[in-house]
Amino acid sequence: MRILLDECVDRRLAKDIVGYYVKTVPQMGWATIKNGELLSLAAAQFDVFITVDRNLSLQQNLSDLGIAVLVLRATSNRVRDLRPLIPKLLQALPNVQRGVATWVSA
């Protein structure tokens, strides 16, 4: 499974998502691209897009895209607040569905 971390997600979390191929938006050279185009690009090369953007599923028609979205819900996007969500994120990954946003929270 290929995973793309949104630029609003601390890149250090990539090391915690063990057993998966993980890249960040900046690593792909896509840092200035807006959500709609970004998700289209991501869908061509990745299976899952991980973000903390709670509005993404409201702003984009995910059902038209061939990528699953995981939304991390923490008090902030700091690594210390996101890292406790990693076990639930790893549990959720095998069950994600393309075109659907799945929320991961404490």
PDB file of N, CA and C in Angstrom:
ATOM      1  N   MET A   1       0.844  -1.177   0.000  1.00  0.00           N
ATOM      2  CA  MET A   1       0.000   0.000   0.000  1.00  0.00           C
ATOM      3  C   MET A   1       0.889   1.240   0.000  1.00  0.00           C
ATOM      4  N   ARG A   2       0.588   2.160  -0.892  1.00  0.00           N
ATOM      5  CA  ARG A   2       1.351   3.394  -1.031  1.00  0.00           C
ATOM      6  C   ARG A   2       0.580   4.541  -0.379  1.00  0.00           C
ATOM      7  N   ILE A   3       1.271   5.276   0.507  1.00  0.00           N
ATOM      8  CA  ILE A   3       0.630   6.309   1.316  1.00  0.00           C
ATOM      9  C   ILE A   3       1.299   7.655   1.064  1.00  0.00           C
ATOM     10  N   LEU A   4       0.470   8.688   0.930  1.00  0.00           N
ATOM     11  CA  LEU A   4       0.961  10.054   0.781  1.00  0.00           C
ATOM     12  C   LEU A   4       0.523  10.871   1.991  1.00  0.00           C
ATOM     13  N   LEU A   5       1.503  11.510   2.653  1.00  0.00           N
ATOM     14  CA  LEU A   5       1.210  12.395   3.783  1.00  0.00           C
ATOM     15  C   LEU A   5       1.053  13.816   3.274  1.00  0.00           C
ATOM     16  N   ASP A   6      -0.050  14.443   3.638  1.00  0.00           N
ATOM     17  CA  ASP A   6      -0.299  15.839   3.291  1.00  0.00           C
ATOM     18  C   ASP A   6       0.783  16.711   3.913  1.00  0.00           C
ATOM     19  N   GLU A   7       1.011  17.888   3.352  1.00  0.00           N
ATOM     20  CA  GLU A   7       2.057  18.752   3.889  1.00  0.00           C
ATOM     21  C   GLU A   7       1.709  19.306   5.263  1.00  0.00           C
ATOM     22  N   CYS A   8       0.452  19.238   5.677  1.00  0.00           N
ATOM     23  CA  CYS A   8       0.064  19.688   7.012  1.00  0.00           C
ATOM     24  C   CYS A   8       0.308  18.616   8.079  1.00  0.00           C
ATOM     25  N   VAL A   9       0.747  17.448   7.665  1.00  0.00           N
ATOM     26  CA  VAL A   9       1.085  16.358   8.588  1.00  0.00           C
ATOM     27  C   VAL A   9       2.605  16.334   8.745  1.00  0.00           C
ATOM     28  N   ASP A  10       3.071  16.331   9.977  1.00  0.00           N
ATOM     29  CA  ASP A  10       4.505  16.339  10.238  1.00  0.00           C
ATOM     30  C   ASP A  10       5.171  15.144   9.552  1.00  0.00           C
ATOM     31  N   ARG A  11       6.190  15.431   8.756  1.00  0.00           N
ATOM     32  CA  ARG A  11       6.873  14.389   7.969  1.00  0.00           C
ATOM     33  C   ARG A  11       7.512  13.314   8.828  1.00  0.00           C
ATOM     34  N   ARG A  12       7.792  13.631  10.099  1.00  0.00           N
ATOM     35  CA  ARG A  12       8.411  12.644  10.991  1.00  0.00           C
ATOM     36  C   ARG A  12       7.487  11.463  11.261  1.00  0.00           C
ATOM     37  N   LEU A  13       6.188  11.635  11.037  1.00  0.00           N
ATOM     38  CA  LEU A  13       5.256  10.521  11.235  1.00  0.00           C
ATOM     39  C   LEU A  13       5.453   9.401  10.216  1.00  0.00           C
ATOM     40  N   ALA A  14       6.060   9.731   9.096  1.00  0.00           N
ATOM     41  CA  ALA A  14       6.277   8.710   8.060  1.00  0.00           C
ATOM     42  C   ALA A  14       7.039   7.514   8.615  1.00  0.00           C
ATOM     43  N   LYS A  15       7.990   7.773   9.513  1.00  0.00           N
ATOM     44  CA  LYS A  15       8.783   6.673  10.096  1.00  0.00           C
ATOM     45  C   LYS A  15       7.937   5.777  11.005  1.00  0.00           C
ATOM     46  N   ASP A  16       6.849   6.308  11.534  1.00  0.00           N
ATOM     47  CA  ASP A  16       5.990   5.545  12.437  1.00  0.00           C
ATOM     48  C   ASP A  16       4.996   4.650  11.698  1.00  0.00           C
ATOM     49  N   ILE A  17       4.800   4.913  10.423  1.00  0.00           N
ATOM     50  CA  ILE A  17       3.855   4.128   9.629  1.00  0.00           C
ATOM     51  C   ILE A  17       4.632   2.981   8.994  1.00  0.00           C
ATOM     52  N   VAL A  18       4.961   2.012   9.844  1.00  0.00           N
ATOM     53  CA  VAL A  18       5.836   0.908   9.445  1.00  0.00           C
ATOM     54  C   VAL A  18       5.092  -0.109   8.576  1.00  0.00           C
ATOM     55  N   GLY A  19       5.843  -0.686   7.658  1.00  0.00           N
ATOM     56  CA  GLY A  19       5.280  -1.720   6.798  1.00  0.00           C
ATOM     57  C   GLY A  19       4.608  -1.176   5.549  1.00  0.00           C
ATOM     58  N   TYR A  20       4.700   0.125   5.315  1.00  0.00           N
ATOM     59  CA  TYR A  20       4.065   0.753   4.163  1.00  0.00           C
ATOM     60  C   TYR A  20       5.052   1.668   3.453  1.00  0.00           C
ATOM     61  N   TYR A  21       4.817   1.876   2.187  1.00  0.00           N
ATOM     62  CA  TYR A  21       5.585   2.846   1.400  1.00  0.00           C
ATOM     63  C   TYR A  21       4.957   4.210   1.658  1.00  0.00           C
ATOM     64  N   VAL A  22       5.708   5.134   2.247  1.00  0.00           N
ATOM     65  CA  VAL A  22       5.163   6.440   2.627  1.00  0.00           C
ATOM     66  C   VAL A  22       6.024   7.553   2.046  1.00  0.00           C
ATOM     67  N   LYS A  23       5.375   8.498   1.406  1.00  0.00           N
ATOM     68  CA  LYS A  23       6.015   9.710   0.893  1.00  0.00           C
ATOM     69  C   LYS A  23       5.224  10.917   1.393  1.00  0.00           C
ATOM     70  N   THR A  24       5.877  12.074   1.379  1.00  0.00           N
ATOM     71  CA  THR A  24       5.194  13.315   1.761  1.00  0.00           C
ATOM     72  C   THR A  24       4.934  14.144   0.506  1.00  0.00           C
ATOM     73  N   VAL A  25       3.982  15.058   0.619  1.00  0.00           N
ATOM     74  CA  VAL A  25       3.676  15.953  -0.499  1.00  0.00           C
ATOM     75  C   VAL A  25       4.930  16.712  -0.935  1.00  0.00           C
ATOM     76  N   PRO A  26       5.715  17.302  -0.007  1.00  0.00           N
ATOM     77  CA  PRO A  26       6.937  17.984  -0.449  1.00  0.00           C
ATOM     78  C   PRO A  26       7.948  17.054  -1.132  1.00  0.00           C
ATOM     79  N   GLN A  27       8.083  15.822  -0.665  1.00  0.00           N
ATOM     80  CA  GLN A  27       8.999  14.881  -1.316  1.00  0.00           C
ATOM     81  C   GLN A  27       8.604  14.641  -2.774  1.00  0.00           C
ATOM     82  N   MET A  28       7.317  14.698  -3.047  1.00  0.00           N
ATOM     83  CA  MET A  28       6.832  14.482  -4.407  1.00  0.00           C
ATOM     84  C   MET A  28       6.939  15.746  -5.264  1.00  0.00           C
ATOM     85  N   GLY A  29       7.296  16.878  -4.645  1.00  0.00           N
ATOM     86  CA  GLY A  29       7.376  18.141  -5.372  1.00  0.00           C
ATOM     87  C   GLY A  29       6.030  18.788  -5.596  1.00  0.00           C
ATOM     88  N   TRP A  30       5.053  18.448  -4.762  1.00  0.00           N
ATOM     89  CA  TRP A  30       3.686  18.910  -4.935  1.00  0.00           C
ATOM     90  C   TRP A  30       3.246  19.921  -3.863  1.00  0.00           C
ATOM     91  N   ALA A  31       4.184  20.544  -3.176  1.00  0.00           N
ATOM     92  CA  ALA A  31       3.854  21.387  -2.018  1.00  0.00           C
ATOM     93  C   ALA A  31       2.963  22.583  -2.342  1.00  0.00           C
ATOM     94  N   THR A  32       3.008  23.106  -3.528  1.00  0.00           N
ATOM     95  CA  THR A  32       2.199  24.297  -3.840  1.00  0.00           C
ATOM     96  C   THR A  32       0.875  23.965  -4.523  1.00  0.00           C
ATOM     97  N   ILE A  33       0.594  22.707  -4.704  1.00  0.00           N
ATOM     98  CA  ILE A  33      -0.613  22.295  -5.427  1.00  0.00           C
ATOM     99  C   ILE A  33      -1.815  22.240  -4.486  1.00  0.00           C
ATOM    100  N   LYS A  34      -2.931  22.774  -4.939  1.00  0.00           N
ATOM    101  CA  LYS A  34      -4.161  22.821  -4.141  1.00  0.00           C
ATOM    102  C   LYS A  34      -4.817  21.443  -4.054  1.00  0.00           C
ATOM    103  N   ASN A  35      -5.728  21.285  -3.077  1.00  0.00           N
ATOM    104  CA  ASN A  35      -6.306  19.983  -2.741  1.00  0.00           C
ATOM    105  C   ASN A  35      -6.917  19.206  -3.906  1.00  0.00           C
ATOM    106  N   GLY A  36      -7.737  19.836  -4.733  1.00  0.00           N
ATOM    107  CA  GLY A  36      -8.384  19.104  -5.818  1.00  0.00           C
ATOM    108  C   GLY A  36      -7.377  18.482  -6.773  1.00  0.00           C
ATOM    109  N   GLU A  37      -6.464  19.285  -7.253  1.00  0.00           N
ATOM    110  CA  GLU A  37      -5.433  18.784  -8.172  1.00  0.00           C
ATOM    111  C   GLU A  37      -4.491  17.827  -7.458  1.00  0.00           C
ATOM    112  N   LEU A  38      -4.182  18.142  -6.203  1.00  0.00           N
ATOM    113  CA  LEU A  38      -3.288  17.282  -5.410  1.00  0.00           C
ATOM    114  C   LEU A  38      -3.879  15.885  -5.267  1.00  0.00           C
ATOM    115  N   LEU A  39      -5.151  15.796  -4.956  1.00  0.00           N
ATOM    116  CA  LEU A  39      -5.788  14.484  -4.807  1.00  0.00           C
ATOM    117  C   LEU A  39      -5.829  13.719  -6.124  1.00  0.00           C
ATOM    118  N   SER A  40      -6.009  14.421  -7.224  1.00  0.00           N
ATOM    119  CA  SER A  40      -5.986  13.755  -8.534  1.00  0.00           C
ATOM    120  C   SER A  40      -4.603  13.193  -8.829  1.00  0.00           C
ATOM    121  N   LEU A  41      -3.566  13.989  -8.567  1.00  0.00           N
ATOM    122  CA  LEU A  41      -2.198  13.508  -8.753  1.00  0.00           C
ATOM    123  C   LEU A  41      -1.906  12.326  -7.834  1.00  0.00           C
ATOM    124  N   ALA A  42      -2.322  12.461  -6.580  1.00  0.00           N
ATOM    125  CA  ALA A  42      -2.074  11.410  -5.593  1.00  0.00           C
ATOM    126  C   ALA A  42      -2.768  10.110  -5.981  1.00  0.00           C
ATOM    127  N   ALA A  43      -3.989  10.207  -6.478  1.00  0.00           N
ATOM    128  CA  ALA A  43      -4.754   9.014  -6.837  1.00  0.00           C
ATOM    129  C   ALA A  43      -4.074   8.194  -7.924  1.00  0.00           C
ATOM    130  N   ALA A  44      -3.274   8.851  -8.754  1.00  0.00           N
ATOM    131  CA  ALA A  44      -2.579   8.143  -9.831  1.00  0.00           C
ATOM    132  C   ALA A  44      -1.401   7.324  -9.319  1.00  0.00           C
ATOM    133  N   GLN A  45      -0.868   7.675  -8.127  1.00  0.00           N
ATOM    134  CA  GLN A  45       0.335   7.002  -7.650  1.00  0.00           C
ATOM    135  C   GLN A  45       0.236   6.412  -6.249  1.00  0.00           C
ATOM    136  N   PHE A  46      -0.832   6.747  -5.516  1.00  0.00           N
ATOM    137  CA  PHE A  46      -0.954   6.319  -4.127  1.00  0.00           C
ATOM    138  C   PHE A  46      -2.318   5.698  -3.867  1.00  0.00           C
ATOM    139  N   ASP A  47      -2.379   4.912  -2.806  1.00  0.00           N
ATOM    140  CA  ASP A  47      -3.632   4.278  -2.407  1.00  0.00           C
ATOM    141  C   ASP A  47      -4.354   5.067  -1.329  1.00  0.00           C
ATOM    142  N   VAL A  48      -3.570   5.748  -0.470  1.00  0.00           N
ATOM    143  CA  VAL A  48      -4.127   6.446   0.694  1.00  0.00           C
ATOM    144  C   VAL A  48      -3.486   7.823   0.827  1.00  0.00           C
ATOM    145  N   PHE A  49      -4.311   8.814   1.153  1.00  0.00           N
ATOM    146  CA  PHE A  49      -3.860  10.176   1.434  1.00  0.00           C
ATOM    147  C   PHE A  49      -4.177  10.456   2.895  1.00  0.00           C
ATOM    148  N   ILE A  50      -3.158  10.821   3.686  1.00  0.00           N
ATOM    149  CA  ILE A  50      -3.350  11.107   5.103  1.00  0.00           C
ATOM    150  C   ILE A  50      -3.225  12.603   5.332  1.00  0.00           C
ATOM    151  N   THR A  51      -4.208  13.176   6.019  1.00  0.00           N
ATOM    152  CA  THR A  51      -4.253  14.610   6.252  1.00  0.00           C
ATOM    153  C   THR A  51      -4.798  14.913   7.644  1.00  0.00           C
ATOM    154  N   VAL A  52      -4.685  16.157   8.054  1.00  0.00           N
ATOM    155  CA  VAL A  52      -5.365  16.636   9.260  1.00  0.00           C
ATOM    156  C   VAL A  52      -6.427  17.653   8.873  1.00  0.00           C
ATOM    157  N   ASP A  53      -6.615  17.875   7.581  1.00  0.00           N
ATOM    158  CA  ASP A  53      -7.582  18.838   7.054  1.00  0.00           C
ATOM    159  C   ASP A  53      -8.995  18.288   7.216  1.00  0.00           C
ATOM    160  N   ARG A  54      -9.689  18.780   8.215  1.00  0.00           N
ATOM    161  CA  ARG A  54     -11.036  18.279   8.528  1.00  0.00           C
ATOM    162  C   ARG A  54     -12.073  18.671   7.489  1.00  0.00           C
ATOM    163  N   ASN A  55     -11.779  19.679   6.693  1.00  0.00           N
ATOM    164  CA  ASN A  55     -12.737  20.149   5.693  1.00  0.00           C
ATOM    165  C   ASN A  55     -12.559  19.487   4.333  1.00  0.00           C
ATOM    166  N   LEU A  56     -11.517  18.720   4.170  1.00  0.00           N
ATOM    167  CA  LEU A  56     -11.209  18.133   2.874  1.00  0.00           C
ATOM    168  C   LEU A  56     -12.383  17.342   2.304  1.00  0.00           C
ATOM    169  N   SER A  57     -13.001  16.521   3.117  1.00  0.00           N
ATOM    170  CA  SER A  57     -14.097  15.685   2.616  1.00  0.00           C
ATOM    171  C   SER A  57     -15.340  16.508   2.267  1.00  0.00           C
ATOM    172  N   LEU A  58     -15.445  17.715   2.822  1.00  0.00           N
ATOM    173  CA  LEU A  58     -16.562  18.598   2.493  1.00  0.00           C
ATOM    174  C   LEU A  58     -16.265  19.409   1.238  1.00  0.00           C
ATOM    175  N   GLN A  59     -14.995  19.707   1.001  1.00  0.00           N
ATOM    176  CA  GLN A  59     -14.598  20.548  -0.122  1.00  0.00           C
ATOM    177  C   GLN A  59     -14.384  19.757  -1.409  1.00  0.00           C
ATOM    178  N   GLN A  60     -14.118  18.475  -1.299  1.00  0.00           N
ATOM    179  CA  GLN A  60     -13.806  17.655  -2.465  1.00  0.00           C
ATOM    180  C   GLN A  60     -14.800  16.501  -2.581  1.00  0.00           C
ATOM    181  N   ASN A  61     -15.106  16.114  -3.811  1.00  0.00           N
ATOM    182  CA  ASN A  61     -15.959  14.959  -4.055  1.00  0.00           C
ATOM    183  C   ASN A  61     -15.063  13.719  -4.094  1.00  0.00           C
ATOM    184  N   LEU A  62     -14.871  13.118  -2.934  1.00  0.00           N
ATOM    185  CA  LEU A  62     -13.939  11.994  -2.817  1.00  0.00           C
ATOM    186  C   LEU A  62     -14.400  10.763  -3.592  1.00  0.00           C
ATOM    187  N   SER A  63     -15.700  10.611  -3.772  1.00  0.00           N
ATOM    188  CA  SER A  63     -16.191   9.413  -4.450  1.00  0.00           C
ATOM    189  C   SER A  63     -15.728   9.362  -5.906  1.00  0.00           C
ATOM    190  N   ASP A  64     -15.378  10.507  -6.485  1.00  0.00           N
ATOM    191  CA  ASP A  64     -14.884  10.535  -7.864  1.00  0.00           C
ATOM    192  C   ASP A  64     -13.402  10.200  -7.965  1.00  0.00           C
ATOM    193  N   LEU A  65     -12.728  10.167  -6.817  1.00  0.00           N
ATOM    194  CA  LEU A  65     -11.286   9.936  -6.821  1.00  0.00           C
ATOM    195  C   LEU A  65     -10.968   8.485  -6.463  1.00  0.00           C
ATOM    196  N   GLY A  66      -9.904   7.988  -6.991  1.00  0.00           N
ATOM    197  CA  GLY A  66      -9.513   6.609  -6.724  1.00  0.00           C
ATOM    198  C   GLY A  66      -8.522   6.506  -5.584  1.00  0.00           C
ATOM    199  N   ILE A  67      -8.751   7.263  -4.526  1.00  0.00           N
ATOM    200  CA  ILE A  67      -7.829   7.231  -3.394  1.00  0.00           C
ATOM    201  C   ILE A  67      -8.624   7.282  -2.095  1.00  0.00           C
ATOM    202  N   ALA A  68      -8.160   6.538  -1.116  1.00  0.00           N
ATOM    203  CA  ALA A  68      -8.770   6.592   0.220  1.00  0.00           C
ATOM    204  C   ALA A  68      -8.140   7.762   0.976  1.00  0.00           C
ATOM    205  N   VAL A  69      -8.917   8.378   1.853  1.00  0.00           N
ATOM    206  CA  VAL A  69      -8.431   9.502   2.651  1.00  0.00           C
ATOM    207  C   VAL A  69      -8.575   9.151   4.119  1.00  0.00           C
ATOM    208  N   LEU A  70      -7.487   9.334   4.864  1.00  0.00           N
ATOM    209  CA  LEU A  70      -7.518   9.184   6.317  1.00  0.00           C
ATOM    210  C   LEU A  70      -7.326  10.566   6.915  1.00  0.00           C
ATOM    211  N   VAL A  71      -8.266  10.983   7.758  1.00  0.00           N
ATOM    212  CA  VAL A  71      -8.190  12.281   8.407  1.00  0.00           C
ATOM    213  C   VAL A  71      -7.826  12.054   9.871  1.00  0.00           C
ATOM    214  N   LEU A  72      -6.660  12.556  10.267  1.00  0.00           N
ATOM    215  CA  LEU A  72      -6.223  12.439  11.656  1.00  0.00           C
ATOM    216  C   LEU A  72      -6.843  13.566  12.459  1.00  0.00           C
ATOM    217  N   ARG A  73      -7.497  13.203  13.533  1.00  0.00           N
ATOM    218  CA  ARG A  73      -8.177  14.194  14.365  1.00  0.00           C
ATOM    219  C   ARG A  73      -7.495  14.250  15.727  1.00  0.00           C
ATOM    220  N   ALA A  74      -6.703  15.315  15.919  1.00  0.00           N
ATOM    221  CA  ALA A  74      -5.979  15.527  17.170  1.00  0.00           C
ATOM    222  C   ALA A  74      -6.151  16.992  17.568  1.00  0.00           C
ATOM    223  N   THR A  75      -5.659  17.342  18.749  1.00  0.00           N
ATOM    224  CA  THR A  75      -5.803  18.721  19.210  1.00  0.00           C
ATOM    225  C   THR A  75      -4.972  19.693  18.379  1.00  0.00           C
ATOM    226  N   SER A  76      -3.927  19.213  17.736  1.00  0.00           N
ATOM    227  CA  SER A  76      -3.124  20.039  16.838  1.00  0.00           C
ATOM    228  C   SER A  76      -2.451  19.126  15.823  1.00  0.00           C
ATOM    229  N   ASN A  77      -1.723  19.714  14.893  1.00  0.00           N
ATOM    230  CA  ASN A  77      -0.992  18.891  13.933  1.00  0.00           C
ATOM    231  C   ASN A  77       0.468  18.720  14.340  1.00  0.00           C
ATOM    232  N   ARG A  78       0.767  18.992  15.587  1.00  0.00           N
ATOM    233  CA  ARG A  78       2.116  18.740  16.112  1.00  0.00           C
ATOM    234  C   ARG A  78       2.330  17.240  16.252  1.00  0.00           C
ATOM    235  N   VAL A  79       3.576  16.844  16.036  1.00  0.00           N
ATOM    236  CA  VAL A  79       3.897  15.421  16.060  1.00  0.00           C
ATOM    237  C   VAL A  79       3.539  14.791  17.406  1.00  0.00           C
ATOM    238  N   ARG A  80       3.706  15.505  18.497  1.00  0.00           N
ATOM    239  CA  ARG A  80       3.392  14.944  19.819  1.00  0.00           C
ATOM    240  C   ARG A  80       1.890  14.684  19.986  1.00  0.00           C
ATOM    241  N   ASP A  81       1.050  15.422  19.262  1.00  0.00           N
ATOM    242  CA  ASP A  81      -0.390  15.186  19.321  1.00  0.00           C
ATOM    243  C   ASP A  81      -0.847  14.134  18.317  1.00  0.00           C
ATOM    244  N   LEU A  82      -0.131  14.006  17.216  1.00  0.00           N
ATOM    245  CA  LEU A  82      -0.502  13.036  16.189  1.00  0.00           C
ATOM    246  C   LEU A  82       0.039  11.635  16.452  1.00  0.00           C
ATOM    247  N   ARG A  83       1.211  11.551  17.048  1.00  0.00           N
ATOM    248  CA  ARG A  83       1.854  10.242  17.256  1.00  0.00           C
ATOM    249  C   ARG A  83       0.966   9.253  18.031  1.00  0.00           C
ATOM    250  N   PRO A  84       0.198   9.672  19.049  1.00  0.00           N
ATOM    251  CA  PRO A  84      -0.665   8.706  19.740  1.00  0.00           C
ATOM    252  C   PRO A  84      -1.746   8.085  18.844  1.00  0.00           C
ATOM    253  N   LEU A  85      -2.012   8.690  17.686  1.00  0.00           N
ATOM    254  CA  LEU A  85      -3.016   8.149  16.767  1.00  0.00           C
ATOM    255  C   LEU A  85      -2.464   7.045  15.860  1.00  0.00           C
ATOM    256  N   ILE A  86      -1.159   6.867  15.844  1.00  0.00           N
ATOM    257  CA  ILE A  86      -0.534   5.908  14.929  1.00  0.00           C
ATOM    258  C   ILE A  86      -1.082   4.485  15.099  1.00  0.00           C
ATOM    259  N   PRO A  87      -1.244   3.948  16.320  1.00  0.00           N
ATOM    260  CA  PRO A  87      -1.802   2.589  16.418  1.00  0.00           C
ATOM    261  C   PRO A  87      -3.182   2.464  15.763  1.00  0.00           C
ATOM    262  N   LYS A  88      -4.051   3.452  15.948  1.00  0.00           N
ATOM    263  CA  LYS A  88      -5.378   3.406  15.320  1.00  0.00           C
ATOM    264  C   LYS A  88      -5.278   3.586  13.805  1.00  0.00           C
ATOM    265  N   LEU A  89      -4.349   4.410  13.374  1.00  0.00           N
ATOM    266  CA  LEU A  89      -4.132   4.599  11.950  1.00  0.00           C
ATOM    267  C   LEU A  89      -3.701   3.278  11.313  1.00  0.00           C
ATOM    268  N   LEU A  90      -2.754   2.588  11.944  1.00  0.00           N
ATOM    269  CA  LEU A  90      -2.287   1.304  11.422  1.00  0.00           C
ATOM    270  C   LEU A  90      -3.403   0.264  11.410  1.00  0.00           C
ATOM    271  N   GLN A  91      -4.310   0.322  12.375  1.00  0.00           N
ATOM    272  CA  GLN A  91      -5.466  -0.590  12.395  1.00  0.00           C
ATOM    273  C   GLN A  91      -6.435  -0.262  11.267  1.00  0.00           C
ATOM    274  N   ALA A  92      -6.584   1.021  10.961  1.00  0.00           N
ATOM    275  CA  ALA A  92      -7.553   1.458   9.956  1.00  0.00           C
ATOM    276  C   ALA A  92      -7.085   1.193   8.529  1.00  0.00           C
ATOM    277  N   LEU A  93      -5.781   1.256   8.299  1.00  0.00           N
ATOM    278  CA  LEU A  93      -5.258   1.161   6.928  1.00  0.00           C
ATOM    279  C   LEU A  93      -5.742  -0.055   6.136  1.00  0.00           C
ATOM    280  N   PRO A  94      -5.758  -1.255   6.689  1.00  0.00           N
ATOM    281  CA  PRO A  94      -6.186  -2.404   5.870  1.00  0.00           C
ATOM    282  C   PRO A  94      -7.655  -2.339   5.433  1.00  0.00           C
ATOM    283  N   ASN A  95      -8.444  -1.486   6.088  1.00  0.00           N
ATOM    284  CA  ASN A  95      -9.882  -1.440   5.807  1.00  0.00           C
ATOM    285  C   ASN A  95     -10.340  -0.189   5.078  1.00  0.00           C
ATOM    286  N   VAL A  96      -9.421   0.699   4.701  1.00  0.00           N
ATOM    287  CA  VAL A  96      -9.830   1.934   4.037  1.00  0.00           C
ATOM    288  C   VAL A  96     -10.426   1.635   2.672  1.00  0.00           C
ATOM    289  N   GLN A  97     -11.308   2.527   2.242  1.00  0.00           N
ATOM    290  CA  GLN A  97     -11.964   2.369   0.947  1.00  0.00           C
ATOM    291  C   GLN A  97     -11.666   3.576   0.071  1.00  0.00           C
ATOM    292  N   ARG A  98     -11.368   3.305  -1.168  1.00  0.00           N
ATOM    293  CA  ARG A  98     -11.126   4.393  -2.117  1.00  0.00           C
ATOM    294  C   ARG A  98     -12.391   5.240  -2.253  1.00  0.00           C
ATOM    295  N   GLY A  99     -12.193   6.557  -2.288  1.00  0.00           N
ATOM    296  CA  GLY A  99     -13.322   7.467  -2.443  1.00  0.00           C
ATOM    297  C   GLY A  99     -14.049   7.789  -1.165  1.00  0.00           C
ATOM    298  N   VAL A 100     -13.498   7.338  -0.031  1.00  0.00           N
ATOM    299  CA  VAL A 100     -14.146   7.530   1.265  1.00  0.00           C
ATOM    300  C   VAL A 100     -13.139   8.131   2.245  1.00  0.00           C
ATOM    301  N   ALA A 101     -13.611   9.070   3.066  1.00  0.00           N
ATOM    302  CA  ALA A 101     -12.773   9.630   4.130  1.00  0.00           C
ATOM    303  C   ALA A 101     -13.031   8.846   5.407  1.00  0.00           C
ATOM    304  N   THR A 102     -11.972   8.389   6.044  1.00  0.00           N
ATOM    305  CA  THR A 102     -12.036   7.681   7.314  1.00  0.00           C
ATOM    306  C   THR A 102     -11.357   8.553   8.358  1.00  0.00           C
ATOM    307  N   TRP A 103     -12.045   8.743   9.469  1.00  0.00           N
ATOM    308  CA  TRP A 103     -11.510   9.588  10.545  1.00  0.00           C
ATOM    309  C   TRP A 103     -10.798   8.717  11.568  1.00  0.00           C
ATOM    310  N   VAL A 104      -9.647   9.183  12.017  1.00  0.00           N
ATOM    311  CA  VAL A 104      -8.873   8.506  13.049  1.00  0.00           C
ATOM    312  C   VAL A 104      -8.692   9.489  14.193  1.00  0.00           C
ATOM    313  N   SER A 105      -9.235   9.131  15.356  1.00  0.00           N
ATOM    314  CA  SER A 105      -9.119  10.018  16.518  1.00  0.00           C
ATOM    315  C   SER A 105      -8.853   9.195  17.757  1.00  0.00           C
ATOM    316  N   ALA A 106      -8.492   9.892  18.811  1.00  0.00           N
ATOM    317  CA  ALA A 106      -8.154   9.230  20.082  1.00  0.00           C
ATOM    318  C   ALA A 106      -9.360   8.572  20.710  1.00  0.00           C
TER     319      ALA A 106
END
